[in-house]
């Protein structure tokens, strides 16, 4: 009887460990379209996209597996792709700027169901809230000013479900 009780105890502990430590992290993969804020002062909208990736009226595409997340988006005339290692290892991306390409080093770490990406002094938190992709960006204020935090929400585009149909882009 004690062997059975011990075996059951070990099984319960193992199952608890899997439940606590084996929780699946969110998968942000998909094509996402930036929502227009109802009130840009409250929603953090504005010309820069409100803290998300790309500018206003943009669509971003995220691919993700267990090890990496890649975000692709248009920025002006450029198509930008940035990649983040989901294990916390620093990654380096080259992104366009007004003065030419800029190298950025980022570190992405999971904090519960949020992916927190730190690039220089900027912190970007990515999560799913109410079925929407929420990107909150914090940047320290200049010369002692308060930090600026902005939010952007994205709606996931429906999965492509076959050939043709309405709303397709056609050949380009």
N, C-alpha and C. Protein backbone atom coordinates (compact mmCIF):
# COMPACT_ATOMS: atom_id res chain seq x y z
N UNK A 1 0.81 -1.19 0.00
CA UNK A 1 0.00 0.00 0.00
C UNK A 1 0.86 1.26 0.00
N UNK A 2 1.95 1.26 0.78
CA UNK A 2 2.79 2.44 0.84
C UNK A 2 3.52 2.69 -0.48
N UNK A 3 3.82 1.63 -1.24
CA UNK A 3 4.45 1.82 -2.55
C UNK A 3 3.49 2.50 -3.51
N UNK A 4 2.22 2.12 -3.47
CA UNK A 4 1.21 2.75 -4.32
C UNK A 4 1.06 4.21 -3.94
N UNK A 5 0.99 4.49 -2.64
CA UNK A 5 0.85 5.87 -2.19
C UNK A 5 2.07 6.69 -2.61
N UNK A 6 3.25 6.13 -2.49
CA UNK A 6 4.47 6.83 -2.90
C UNK A 6 4.46 7.09 -4.40
N UNK A 7 4.05 6.10 -5.20
CA UNK A 7 4.00 6.27 -6.65
C UNK A 7 2.99 7.35 -7.03
N UNK A 8 1.85 7.35 -6.37
CA UNK A 8 0.84 8.38 -6.64
C UNK A 8 1.38 9.75 -6.25
N UNK A 9 2.06 9.84 -5.13
CA UNK A 9 2.66 11.10 -4.69
C UNK A 9 3.67 11.64 -5.69
N UNK A 10 4.53 10.77 -6.19
CA UNK A 10 5.52 11.17 -7.19
C UNK A 10 4.83 11.64 -8.47
N UNK A 11 3.80 10.94 -8.89
CA UNK A 11 3.05 11.32 -10.09
C UNK A 11 2.40 12.69 -9.92
N UNK A 12 1.83 12.96 -8.75
CA UNK A 12 1.18 14.26 -8.50
C UNK A 12 2.22 15.37 -8.53
N UNK A 13 3.37 15.14 -7.92
CA UNK A 13 4.43 16.16 -7.93
C UNK A 13 4.92 16.41 -9.36
N UNK A 14 5.12 15.37 -10.13
CA UNK A 14 5.57 15.52 -11.52
C UNK A 14 4.55 16.27 -12.35
N UNK A 15 3.28 15.94 -12.18
CA UNK A 15 2.23 16.63 -12.92
C UNK A 15 2.15 18.09 -12.51
N UNK A 16 2.31 18.39 -11.24
CA UNK A 16 2.30 19.78 -10.77
C UNK A 16 3.45 20.56 -11.36
N UNK A 17 4.63 19.94 -11.44
CA UNK A 17 5.78 20.62 -12.01
C UNK A 17 5.56 20.93 -13.48
N UNK A 18 4.97 20.00 -14.22
CA UNK A 18 4.68 20.25 -15.63
C UNK A 18 3.67 21.37 -15.76
N UNK A 19 2.67 21.39 -14.90
CA UNK A 19 1.65 22.44 -14.95
C UNK A 19 2.24 23.80 -14.63
N UNK A 20 3.09 23.87 -13.59
CA UNK A 20 3.66 25.16 -13.20
C UNK A 20 4.72 25.65 -14.16
N UNK A 21 5.64 24.76 -14.55
CA UNK A 21 6.78 25.19 -15.32
C UNK A 21 6.64 24.93 -16.81
N UNK A 22 5.70 24.14 -17.22
CA UNK A 22 5.57 23.79 -18.63
C UNK A 22 4.46 24.55 -19.32
N UNK A 23 4.04 25.67 -18.72
CA UNK A 23 2.97 26.43 -19.35
C UNK A 23 3.42 26.93 -20.70
N UNK A 24 2.57 26.81 -21.66
CA UNK A 24 2.89 27.25 -23.01
C UNK A 24 2.94 28.77 -23.06
N UNK A 25 3.94 29.29 -23.74
CA UNK A 25 4.01 30.72 -23.95
C UNK A 25 3.15 31.07 -25.14
N UNK A 26 2.64 32.30 -25.20
CA UNK A 26 1.78 32.67 -26.32
C UNK A 26 2.54 32.61 -27.65
N UNK A 27 1.79 32.32 -28.68
CA UNK A 27 2.35 32.35 -30.02
C UNK A 27 1.72 33.55 -30.73
N UNK A 28 2.55 34.52 -31.08
CA UNK A 28 2.08 35.76 -31.70
C UNK A 28 2.05 35.67 -33.22
N UNK A 29 2.32 34.50 -33.78
CA UNK A 29 2.42 34.34 -35.24
C UNK A 29 1.13 34.76 -35.93
N UNK A 30 1.29 35.41 -37.05
CA UNK A 30 0.15 35.80 -37.87
C UNK A 30 0.39 37.14 -38.53
N UNK A 31 -0.60 37.55 -39.27
CA UNK A 31 -0.59 38.86 -39.94
C UNK A 31 -1.50 39.76 -39.13
N UNK A 32 -0.99 40.87 -38.66
CA UNK A 32 -1.71 41.76 -37.75
C UNK A 32 -1.82 43.15 -38.36
N UNK A 33 -3.00 43.78 -38.24
CA UNK A 33 -3.22 45.13 -38.76
C UNK A 33 -3.41 46.08 -37.59
N UNK A 34 -2.68 47.19 -37.62
CA UNK A 34 -2.74 48.20 -36.57
C UNK A 34 -4.15 48.77 -36.47
N UNK A 35 -4.70 48.78 -35.26
CA UNK A 35 -6.01 49.40 -35.02
C UNK A 35 -5.86 50.91 -34.96
N UNK A 36 -6.86 51.59 -35.45
CA UNK A 36 -6.88 53.05 -35.31
C UNK A 36 -7.44 53.38 -33.93
N UNK A 37 -6.71 54.18 -33.14
CA UNK A 37 -7.24 54.53 -31.82
C UNK A 37 -8.45 55.44 -31.93
N UNK A 38 -9.42 55.24 -31.03
CA UNK A 38 -10.59 56.12 -30.99
C UNK A 38 -10.16 57.48 -30.50
N UNK A 39 -9.32 57.51 -29.48
CA UNK A 39 -8.80 58.74 -28.91
C UNK A 39 -7.29 58.59 -28.86
N UNK A 40 -6.58 59.28 -29.74
CA UNK A 40 -5.15 59.07 -29.82
C UNK A 40 -4.44 59.48 -28.55
N UNK A 41 -4.99 60.43 -27.78
CA UNK A 41 -4.35 60.81 -26.52
C UNK A 41 -4.42 59.66 -25.52
N UNK A 42 -5.55 58.97 -25.48
CA UNK A 42 -5.69 57.84 -24.55
C UNK A 42 -5.06 56.59 -25.10
N UNK A 43 -5.11 56.41 -26.41
CA UNK A 43 -4.63 55.17 -27.01
C UNK A 43 -3.18 55.19 -27.40
N UNK A 44 -2.54 56.38 -27.30
CA UNK A 44 -1.13 56.43 -27.67
C UNK A 44 -0.90 56.32 -29.15
N UNK A 45 -1.91 56.67 -29.96
CA UNK A 45 -1.79 56.53 -31.41
C UNK A 45 -0.83 57.54 -31.98
N UNK A 46 -1.23 58.23 -33.00
CA UNK A 46 -0.37 59.25 -33.57
C UNK A 46 0.42 58.73 -34.76
N UNK A 47 1.31 59.59 -35.23
CA UNK A 47 2.03 59.30 -36.46
C UNK A 47 2.94 58.10 -36.36
N UNK A 48 3.52 57.83 -35.20
CA UNK A 48 4.50 56.77 -35.09
C UNK A 48 3.89 55.40 -34.90
N UNK A 49 2.58 55.26 -34.93
CA UNK A 49 1.97 53.97 -34.77
C UNK A 49 1.68 53.62 -33.33
N UNK A 50 1.96 54.55 -32.41
CA UNK A 50 1.57 54.35 -31.02
C UNK A 50 2.39 53.29 -30.30
N UNK A 51 3.63 53.12 -30.66
CA UNK A 51 4.48 52.21 -29.92
C UNK A 51 4.63 50.84 -30.52
N UNK A 52 3.93 50.58 -31.58
CA UNK A 52 4.07 49.28 -32.23
C UNK A 52 5.22 49.30 -33.21
N UNK A 53 5.14 48.45 -34.18
CA UNK A 53 6.15 48.40 -35.23
C UNK A 53 5.60 49.09 -36.46
N UNK A 54 6.46 49.78 -37.21
CA UNK A 54 6.01 50.44 -38.43
C UNK A 54 5.27 51.72 -38.11
N UNK A 55 4.63 52.29 -39.09
CA UNK A 55 3.89 53.52 -38.93
C UNK A 55 2.40 53.27 -38.86
N UNK A 56 1.61 54.34 -38.94
CA UNK A 56 0.15 54.19 -38.89
C UNK A 56 -0.36 53.40 -40.10
N UNK A 57 -1.49 52.77 -39.93
CA UNK A 57 -2.14 51.99 -40.99
C UNK A 57 -1.25 50.86 -41.51
N UNK A 58 -0.47 50.28 -40.63
CA UNK A 58 0.48 49.25 -41.05
C UNK A 58 0.01 47.86 -40.70
N UNK A 59 0.51 46.92 -41.46
CA UNK A 59 0.30 45.51 -41.18
C UNK A 59 1.67 44.91 -40.88
N UNK A 60 1.73 44.13 -39.80
CA UNK A 60 2.97 43.44 -39.47
C UNK A 60 2.74 41.94 -39.61
N UNK A 61 3.80 41.22 -39.90
CA UNK A 61 3.73 39.77 -39.99
C UNK A 61 4.72 39.19 -38.99
N UNK A 62 4.22 38.33 -38.12
CA UNK A 62 5.06 37.71 -37.11
C UNK A 62 5.12 36.22 -37.38
N UNK A 63 6.33 35.68 -37.40
CA UNK A 63 6.53 34.24 -37.41
C UNK A 63 7.22 33.89 -36.10
N UNK A 64 6.86 32.75 -35.57
CA UNK A 64 7.40 32.37 -34.27
C UNK A 64 7.47 30.86 -34.15
N UNK A 65 8.57 30.40 -33.59
CA UNK A 65 8.68 29.00 -33.18
C UNK A 65 9.18 29.01 -31.74
N UNK A 66 9.57 27.86 -31.21
CA UNK A 66 9.97 27.79 -29.81
C UNK A 66 11.21 28.63 -29.52
N UNK A 67 12.07 28.85 -30.51
CA UNK A 67 13.34 29.51 -30.27
C UNK A 67 13.39 30.97 -30.72
N UNK A 68 12.68 31.33 -31.78
CA UNK A 68 12.83 32.65 -32.38
C UNK A 68 11.48 33.28 -32.73
N UNK A 69 11.47 34.61 -32.75
CA UNK A 69 10.32 35.36 -33.25
C UNK A 69 10.85 36.40 -34.23
N UNK A 70 10.20 36.47 -35.39
CA UNK A 70 10.58 37.42 -36.43
C UNK A 70 9.38 38.33 -36.70
N UNK A 71 9.65 39.64 -36.77
CA UNK A 71 8.61 40.62 -37.07
C UNK A 71 9.01 41.34 -38.35
N UNK A 72 8.11 41.33 -39.34
CA UNK A 72 8.35 42.01 -40.61
C UNK A 72 7.29 43.08 -40.79
N UNK A 73 7.73 44.27 -41.21
CA UNK A 73 6.78 45.38 -41.36
C UNK A 73 7.34 46.42 -42.33
N UNK A 74 6.45 47.19 -42.96
CA UNK A 74 6.92 48.28 -43.81
C UNK A 74 7.25 49.49 -42.95
N UNK A 75 8.30 50.19 -43.32
CA UNK A 75 8.65 51.45 -42.66
C UNK A 75 9.05 52.42 -43.75
N UNK A 76 8.11 53.29 -44.11
CA UNK A 76 8.35 54.16 -45.25
C UNK A 76 8.54 53.32 -46.49
N UNK A 77 9.60 53.58 -47.27
CA UNK A 77 9.82 52.80 -48.48
C UNK A 77 10.53 51.47 -48.22
N UNK A 78 10.87 51.20 -46.96
CA UNK A 78 11.63 50.00 -46.62
C UNK A 78 10.75 48.90 -46.06
N UNK A 79 11.16 47.67 -46.30
CA UNK A 79 10.57 46.52 -45.61
C UNK A 79 11.59 46.11 -44.56
N UNK A 80 11.17 46.09 -43.30
CA UNK A 80 12.06 45.83 -42.18
C UNK A 80 11.74 44.45 -41.61
N UNK A 81 12.78 43.71 -41.26
CA UNK A 81 12.62 42.43 -40.59
C UNK A 81 13.55 42.42 -39.38
N UNK A 82 12.99 42.16 -38.20
CA UNK A 82 13.78 42.04 -36.98
C UNK A 82 13.52 40.68 -36.36
N UNK A 83 14.55 40.10 -35.78
CA UNK A 83 14.46 38.76 -35.21
C UNK A 83 14.89 38.81 -33.75
N UNK A 84 14.18 38.05 -32.91
CA UNK A 84 14.48 38.00 -31.48
C UNK A 84 14.62 36.56 -31.04
N UNK A 85 15.68 36.27 -30.27
CA UNK A 85 15.90 34.95 -29.69
C UNK A 85 15.04 34.87 -28.42
N UNK A 86 14.15 33.90 -28.34
CA UNK A 86 13.20 33.81 -27.23
C UNK A 86 13.79 33.17 -25.98
N UNK A 87 15.06 32.80 -26.02
CA UNK A 87 15.70 32.21 -24.85
C UNK A 87 16.42 33.25 -24.00
N UNK A 88 16.38 34.51 -24.41
CA UNK A 88 17.03 35.57 -23.65
C UNK A 88 18.42 35.93 -24.16
N UNK A 89 18.88 35.27 -25.22
CA UNK A 89 20.17 35.58 -25.81
C UNK A 89 20.03 36.86 -26.63
N UNK A 90 21.00 37.76 -26.54
CA UNK A 90 20.94 39.00 -27.30
C UNK A 90 20.98 38.73 -28.80
N UNK A 91 20.21 39.52 -29.54
CA UNK A 91 20.21 39.45 -31.00
C UNK A 91 20.54 40.84 -31.54
N UNK A 92 21.12 40.87 -32.72
CA UNK A 92 21.44 42.13 -33.37
C UNK A 92 20.68 42.22 -34.67
N UNK A 93 20.02 43.35 -34.88
CA UNK A 93 19.27 43.61 -36.11
C UNK A 93 19.77 44.92 -36.70
N UNK A 94 19.73 45.03 -38.00
CA UNK A 94 20.06 46.27 -38.68
C UNK A 94 18.76 46.83 -39.24
N UNK A 95 18.43 48.07 -38.83
CA UNK A 95 17.18 48.69 -39.25
C UNK A 95 17.48 50.04 -39.92
N UNK A 96 16.63 50.45 -40.84
CA UNK A 96 16.86 51.73 -41.51
C UNK A 96 16.52 52.90 -40.59
N UNK A 97 17.19 54.01 -40.81
CA UNK A 97 16.87 55.25 -40.12
C UNK A 97 17.04 56.40 -41.12
N UNK A 98 16.75 57.60 -40.69
CA UNK A 98 16.92 58.76 -41.57
C UNK A 98 18.38 58.98 -41.94
N UNK A 99 19.29 58.43 -41.16
CA UNK A 99 20.72 58.66 -41.37
C UNK A 99 21.44 57.43 -41.88
N UNK A 100 20.70 56.42 -42.31
CA UNK A 100 21.30 55.19 -42.81
C UNK A 100 21.01 54.03 -41.87
N UNK A 101 21.52 52.86 -42.19
CA UNK A 101 21.24 51.68 -41.38
C UNK A 101 21.81 51.82 -39.96
N UNK A 102 21.05 51.33 -38.98
CA UNK A 102 21.46 51.38 -37.58
C UNK A 102 21.43 49.96 -37.03
N UNK A 103 22.50 49.58 -36.33
CA UNK A 103 22.56 48.27 -35.69
C UNK A 103 21.95 48.39 -34.29
N UNK A 104 21.02 47.49 -33.98
CA UNK A 104 20.36 47.48 -32.68
C UNK A 104 20.53 46.12 -32.03
N UNK A 105 20.88 46.12 -30.75
CA UNK A 105 20.99 44.88 -29.99
C UNK A 105 19.79 44.79 -29.06
N UNK A 106 19.13 43.65 -29.08
CA UNK A 106 17.92 43.44 -28.28
C UNK A 106 18.03 42.17 -27.46
N UNK A 107 17.30 42.15 -26.37
CA UNK A 107 17.19 40.95 -25.54
C UNK A 107 15.71 40.74 -25.25
N UNK A 108 15.20 39.55 -25.55
CA UNK A 108 13.79 39.23 -25.34
C UNK A 108 13.68 38.18 -24.23
N UNK A 109 12.84 38.44 -23.24
CA UNK A 109 12.63 37.50 -22.14
C UNK A 109 11.13 37.38 -21.87
N UNK A 110 10.70 36.20 -21.49
CA UNK A 110 9.31 35.97 -21.14
C UNK A 110 9.09 36.40 -19.69
N UNK A 111 8.05 37.16 -19.45
CA UNK A 111 7.59 37.50 -18.11
C UNK A 111 6.13 37.07 -18.06
N UNK A 112 5.92 35.83 -17.64
CA UNK A 112 4.58 35.26 -17.68
C UNK A 112 4.14 35.08 -19.11
N UNK A 113 3.01 35.69 -19.47
CA UNK A 113 2.50 35.57 -20.84
C UNK A 113 2.87 36.78 -21.71
N UNK A 114 3.83 37.57 -21.25
CA UNK A 114 4.31 38.72 -22.01
C UNK A 114 5.74 38.48 -22.47
N UNK A 115 6.04 38.92 -23.67
CA UNK A 115 7.41 38.91 -24.15
C UNK A 115 7.92 40.34 -24.00
N UNK A 116 8.97 40.52 -23.22
CA UNK A 116 9.53 41.84 -22.98
C UNK A 116 10.85 41.93 -23.75
N UNK A 117 10.89 42.90 -24.68
CA UNK A 117 12.04 43.08 -25.56
C UNK A 117 12.70 44.40 -25.18
N UNK A 118 13.96 44.33 -24.78
CA UNK A 118 14.72 45.53 -24.43
C UNK A 118 15.73 45.79 -25.53
N UNK A 119 15.65 46.99 -26.11
CA UNK A 119 16.57 47.42 -27.16
C UNK A 119 17.13 48.77 -26.72
N UNK A 120 18.39 48.79 -26.32
CA UNK A 120 18.95 50.02 -25.78
C UNK A 120 18.19 50.40 -24.52
N UNK A 121 17.66 51.61 -24.47
CA UNK A 121 16.89 52.06 -23.31
C UNK A 121 15.38 51.89 -23.52
N UNK A 122 14.99 51.38 -24.68
CA UNK A 122 13.58 51.18 -24.98
C UNK A 122 13.14 49.77 -24.57
N UNK A 123 11.96 49.69 -23.98
CA UNK A 123 11.40 48.40 -23.60
C UNK A 123 10.06 48.25 -24.30
N UNK A 124 9.88 47.12 -24.95
CA UNK A 124 8.63 46.83 -25.67
C UNK A 124 8.05 45.55 -25.08
N UNK A 125 6.81 45.61 -24.61
CA UNK A 125 6.11 44.46 -24.04
C UNK A 125 5.05 44.00 -25.04
N UNK A 126 5.08 42.71 -25.38
CA UNK A 126 4.17 42.16 -26.38
C UNK A 126 3.31 41.10 -25.71
N UNK A 127 1.99 41.21 -25.87
CA UNK A 127 1.08 40.24 -25.26
C UNK A 127 -0.20 40.16 -26.08
N UNK A 128 -1.03 39.19 -25.73
CA UNK A 128 -2.37 39.08 -26.33
C UNK A 128 -3.36 39.49 -25.25
N UNK A 129 -4.19 40.47 -25.56
CA UNK A 129 -5.21 40.96 -24.63
C UNK A 129 -6.54 41.02 -25.37
N UNK A 130 -7.51 40.23 -24.92
CA UNK A 130 -8.82 40.24 -25.57
C UNK A 130 -8.76 39.87 -27.03
N UNK A 131 -7.87 38.95 -27.40
CA UNK A 131 -7.76 38.52 -28.79
C UNK A 131 -6.97 39.46 -29.68
N UNK A 132 -6.47 40.54 -29.13
CA UNK A 132 -5.69 41.51 -29.90
C UNK A 132 -4.23 41.44 -29.47
N UNK A 133 -3.34 41.78 -30.39
CA UNK A 133 -1.93 41.89 -30.08
C UNK A 133 -1.72 43.27 -29.46
N UNK A 134 -1.19 43.31 -28.26
CA UNK A 134 -0.93 44.57 -27.57
C UNK A 134 0.58 44.76 -27.50
N UNK A 135 1.05 45.91 -27.99
CA UNK A 135 2.46 46.26 -27.93
C UNK A 135 2.56 47.56 -27.14
N UNK A 136 3.22 47.50 -25.97
CA UNK A 136 3.42 48.68 -25.13
C UNK A 136 4.91 49.02 -25.16
N UNK A 137 5.22 50.26 -25.50
CA UNK A 137 6.60 50.69 -25.64
C UNK A 137 6.89 51.79 -24.64
N UNK A 138 7.98 51.62 -23.88
CA UNK A 138 8.42 52.63 -22.91
C UNK A 138 9.81 53.09 -23.27
N UNK A 139 9.97 54.42 -23.27
CA UNK A 139 11.24 55.05 -23.56
C UNK A 139 11.51 56.07 -22.47
N UNK A 140 12.72 56.07 -21.90
CA UNK A 140 13.00 57.05 -20.84
C UNK A 140 12.91 58.47 -21.37
N UNK A 141 12.49 59.38 -20.50
CA UNK A 141 12.39 60.78 -20.88
C UNK A 141 13.76 61.42 -20.97
N UNK A 142 13.87 62.45 -21.77
CA UNK A 142 15.13 63.17 -21.92
C UNK A 142 15.28 64.22 -20.82
N UNK A 143 16.49 64.43 -20.37
CA UNK A 143 16.82 65.48 -19.40
C UNK A 143 15.92 65.44 -18.17
N UNK A 144 15.71 64.24 -17.62
CA UNK A 144 14.96 64.10 -16.39
C UNK A 144 13.45 64.09 -16.55
N UNK A 145 12.97 64.16 -17.77
CA UNK A 145 11.52 64.11 -18.00
C UNK A 145 11.00 62.70 -17.73
N UNK A 146 9.71 62.60 -17.50
CA UNK A 146 9.10 61.30 -17.24
C UNK A 146 9.21 60.40 -18.47
N UNK A 147 9.25 59.11 -18.21
CA UNK A 147 9.29 58.13 -19.31
C UNK A 147 8.03 58.24 -20.15
N UNK A 148 8.18 57.99 -21.44
CA UNK A 148 7.03 58.00 -22.35
C UNK A 148 6.63 56.57 -22.62
N UNK A 149 5.35 56.27 -22.43
CA UNK A 149 4.83 54.94 -22.71
C UNK A 149 3.71 55.07 -23.71
N UNK A 150 3.76 54.26 -24.75
CA UNK A 150 2.70 54.27 -25.75
C UNK A 150 2.22 52.85 -25.97
N UNK A 151 1.00 52.74 -26.48
CA UNK A 151 0.37 51.44 -26.72
C UNK A 151 -0.15 51.37 -28.14
N UNK A 152 -0.04 50.19 -28.71
CA UNK A 152 -0.62 49.93 -30.02
C UNK A 152 -1.30 48.58 -29.95
N UNK A 153 -2.48 48.50 -30.54
CA UNK A 153 -3.17 47.22 -30.62
C UNK A 153 -3.33 46.85 -32.09
N UNK A 154 -3.29 45.55 -32.34
CA UNK A 154 -3.40 45.01 -33.68
C UNK A 154 -4.47 43.94 -33.70
N UNK A 155 -5.21 43.87 -34.80
CA UNK A 155 -6.21 42.83 -35.02
C UNK A 155 -5.63 41.81 -35.99
N UNK A 156 -5.80 40.54 -35.65
CA UNK A 156 -5.26 39.47 -36.49
C UNK A 156 -6.11 39.31 -37.74
N UNK A 157 -5.43 39.24 -38.87
CA UNK A 157 -6.12 39.02 -40.15
C UNK A 157 -6.56 37.57 -40.21
N UNK A 158 -7.71 37.30 -40.84
CA UNK A 158 -8.15 35.92 -40.97
C UNK A 158 -7.14 35.11 -41.78
N UNK A 159 -7.07 33.83 -41.46
CA UNK A 159 -6.18 32.93 -42.20
C UNK A 159 -6.67 32.82 -43.63
N UNK A 160 -5.72 32.74 -44.55
CA UNK A 160 -6.08 32.54 -45.96
C UNK A 160 -6.69 31.16 -46.08
N UNK A 161 -7.91 31.10 -46.60
CA UNK A 161 -8.61 29.82 -46.62
C UNK A 161 -8.87 29.28 -47.99
N UNK A 162 -7.96 29.42 -48.88
CA UNK A 162 -8.19 28.83 -50.20
C UNK A 162 -7.78 29.78 -51.30
N UNK A 163 -8.20 29.48 -52.49
CA UNK A 163 -7.80 30.26 -53.65
C UNK A 163 -8.87 31.26 -54.01
N UNK A 164 -8.40 32.41 -54.50
CA UNK A 164 -9.32 33.41 -55.03
C UNK A 164 -10.18 34.00 -53.95
N UNK A 165 -11.36 34.42 -54.34
CA UNK A 165 -12.31 35.01 -53.39
C UNK A 165 -12.20 36.51 -53.37
N UNK A 166 -13.11 37.12 -52.64
CA UNK A 166 -13.12 38.57 -52.55
C UNK A 166 -12.01 39.06 -51.65
N UNK A 167 -11.53 40.23 -51.90
CA UNK A 167 -10.53 40.86 -51.05
C UNK A 167 -9.11 40.46 -51.36
N UNK A 168 -8.88 39.65 -52.36
CA UNK A 168 -7.53 39.26 -52.72
C UNK A 168 -6.79 40.41 -53.37
N UNK A 169 -5.48 40.36 -53.35
CA UNK A 169 -4.69 41.43 -53.90
C UNK A 169 -4.40 41.24 -55.38
N UNK A 170 -4.54 40.03 -55.88
CA UNK A 170 -4.23 39.79 -57.28
C UNK A 170 -2.74 39.80 -57.52
N UNK A 171 -2.34 39.76 -58.76
CA UNK A 171 -0.90 39.76 -59.06
C UNK A 171 -0.39 41.18 -59.06
N UNK A 172 0.89 41.29 -58.70
CA UNK A 172 1.49 42.62 -58.63
C UNK A 172 2.69 42.71 -59.51
